[in-house]
Amino acid sequence: MSKTASVQQLLAAEKKAAEIIDAAKKQRVTKLKKARSDAEAEVSSFRQKRQATFEQFAAEQASSGDSGSVAVVQQADKEIAEIRATANARKDKVSDILVQLVTKVSL
């Protein structure tokens, strides 16, 4: 009977060990799932913060780019107006010089 009791005790210990191992595996899986979900939440939060920062930067660049391009266009228009004014002021003088050069015949 002691052999049977020993075998029964061994089987019970084996069963208990299997239950402990199963519980440990389930606990490990649970911890891994929690860690994965925590990591995904952290990555999502980080991604949202970086996206917000990027969008703010892009908006600042777009608004400063608009004002910069407006300033360039205004500067170009001003320079064109100055060139036209200079050309109009010197138009008579230039035409006189051209007439003199065309009508002057050198022999």
Protein backbone atom coordinates (compact mmCIF):
# COMPACT_ATOMS: atom_id res chain seq x y z
CA MET A 1 0.00 0.00 0.00
CA SER A 2 2.89 2.34 0.59
CA LYS A 3 3.87 1.94 -3.09
CA THR A 4 0.39 2.99 -4.16
CA ALA A 5 0.40 5.86 -1.69
CA SER A 6 3.81 6.96 -2.93
CA VAL A 7 2.63 6.82 -6.54
CA GLN A 8 -0.53 8.74 -5.63
CA GLN A 9 1.54 11.31 -3.75
CA LEU A 10 3.89 11.63 -6.75
CA LEU A 11 0.95 12.05 -9.15
CA ALA A 12 -0.61 14.66 -6.85
CA ALA A 13 2.70 16.56 -6.66
CA GLU A 14 3.05 16.36 -10.44
CA LYS A 15 -0.50 17.65 -10.91
CA LYS A 16 0.12 20.50 -8.44
CA ALA A 17 3.37 21.39 -10.25
CA ALA A 18 1.52 21.43 -13.58
CA GLU A 19 -1.13 23.73 -12.10
CA ILE A 20 1.56 26.06 -10.75
CA ILE A 21 3.28 26.13 -14.13
CA ASP A 22 -0.03 26.82 -15.91
CA ALA A 23 -0.81 29.63 -13.49
CA ALA A 24 2.65 31.10 -14.01
CA LYS A 25 2.24 30.90 -17.82
CA LYS A 26 -1.16 32.59 -17.62
CA GLN A 27 0.27 35.28 -15.36
CA ARG A 28 3.18 35.81 -17.75
CA VAL A 29 0.81 36.08 -20.72
CA THR A 30 -1.34 38.54 -18.78
CA LYS A 31 1.71 40.64 -17.90
CA LEU A 32 2.91 40.60 -21.52
CA LYS A 33 -0.51 41.71 -22.77
CA LYS A 34 -0.62 44.50 -20.20
CA ALA A 35 2.92 45.57 -21.08
CA ARG A 36 2.05 45.54 -24.79
CA SER A 37 -1.10 47.62 -24.25
CA ASP A 38 0.80 50.05 -22.01
CA ALA A 39 3.52 50.37 -24.63
CA GLU A 40 0.96 50.94 -27.39
CA ALA A 41 -0.74 53.61 -25.27
CA GLU A 42 2.59 55.31 -24.62
CA VAL A 43 3.55 55.17 -28.30
CA SER A 44 0.15 56.55 -29.27
CA SER A 45 0.48 59.39 -26.77
CA PHE A 46 4.00 60.17 -27.99
CA ARG A 47 2.86 60.05 -31.62
CA GLN A 48 -0.02 62.46 -30.90
CA LYS A 49 2.31 64.89 -29.12
CA ARG A 50 4.82 64.78 -31.97
CA GLN A 51 2.05 65.16 -34.55
CA ALA A 52 0.70 68.20 -32.70
CA THR A 53 4.20 69.67 -32.54
CA PHE A 54 4.70 69.03 -36.26
CA GLU A 55 1.35 70.56 -37.18
CA GLN A 56 2.13 73.64 -35.07
CA PHE A 57 5.54 73.94 -36.75
CA ALA A 58 4.00 73.49 -40.20
CA ALA A 59 1.39 76.15 -39.45
CA GLU A 60 4.07 78.57 -38.27
CA GLN A 61 6.15 77.92 -41.36
CA ALA A 62 3.15 78.31 -43.64
CA SER A 63 2.13 81.60 -42.07
CA SER A 64 5.66 82.97 -42.08
CA GLY A 65 6.10 81.72 -45.65
CA ASP A 66 3.03 83.66 -46.75
CA SER A 67 4.25 86.88 -45.18
CA GLY A 68 7.71 86.29 -46.61
CA SER A 69 6.39 85.76 -50.12
CA VAL A 70 4.17 88.85 -49.81
CA ALA A 71 7.21 90.88 -48.79
CA VAL A 72 9.19 89.55 -51.77
CA VAL A 73 6.36 90.38 -54.18
CA GLN A 74 6.05 93.89 -52.73
CA GLN A 75 9.81 94.43 -53.02
CA ALA A 76 9.78 93.22 -56.64
CA ASP A 77 6.84 95.50 -57.50
CA LYS A 78 8.66 98.45 -55.91
CA GLU A 79 11.82 97.76 -57.94
CA ILE A 80 9.83 97.38 -61.16
CA ALA A 81 8.11 100.73 -60.49
CA GLU A 82 11.51 102.38 -59.91
CA ILE A 83 12.89 100.96 -63.16
CA ARG A 84 9.82 102.15 -65.11
CA ALA A 85 10.08 105.61 -63.55
CA THR A 86 13.77 105.82 -64.48
CA ALA A 87 13.02 104.63 -68.03
CA ASN A 88 10.23 107.19 -68.43
CA ALA A 89 12.44 109.96 -67.10
CA ARG A 90 15.26 109.11 -69.53
CA LYS A 91 13.10 108.18 -72.51
CA ASP A 92 13.50 111.51 -74.32
CA LYS A 93 17.24 111.58 -73.78
CA VAL A 94 17.65 108.00 -75.04
CA SER A 95 15.54 108.66 -78.13
CA ASP A 96 17.61 111.78 -78.94
CA ILE A 97 20.83 109.78 -78.65
CA LEU A 98 19.43 107.04 -80.89
CA VAL A 99 18.30 109.55 -83.51
CA GLN A 100 21.74 111.17 -83.51
CA LEU A 101 23.49 107.81 -83.91
CA VAL A 102 21.19 106.71 -86.73
CA THR A 103 21.34 109.97 -88.66
CA LYS A 104 25.08 110.48 -88.24
CA VAL A 105 26.89 109.24 -91.31
CA SER A 106 30.57 108.77 -91.20
CA LEU A 107 32.46 108.69 -94.49
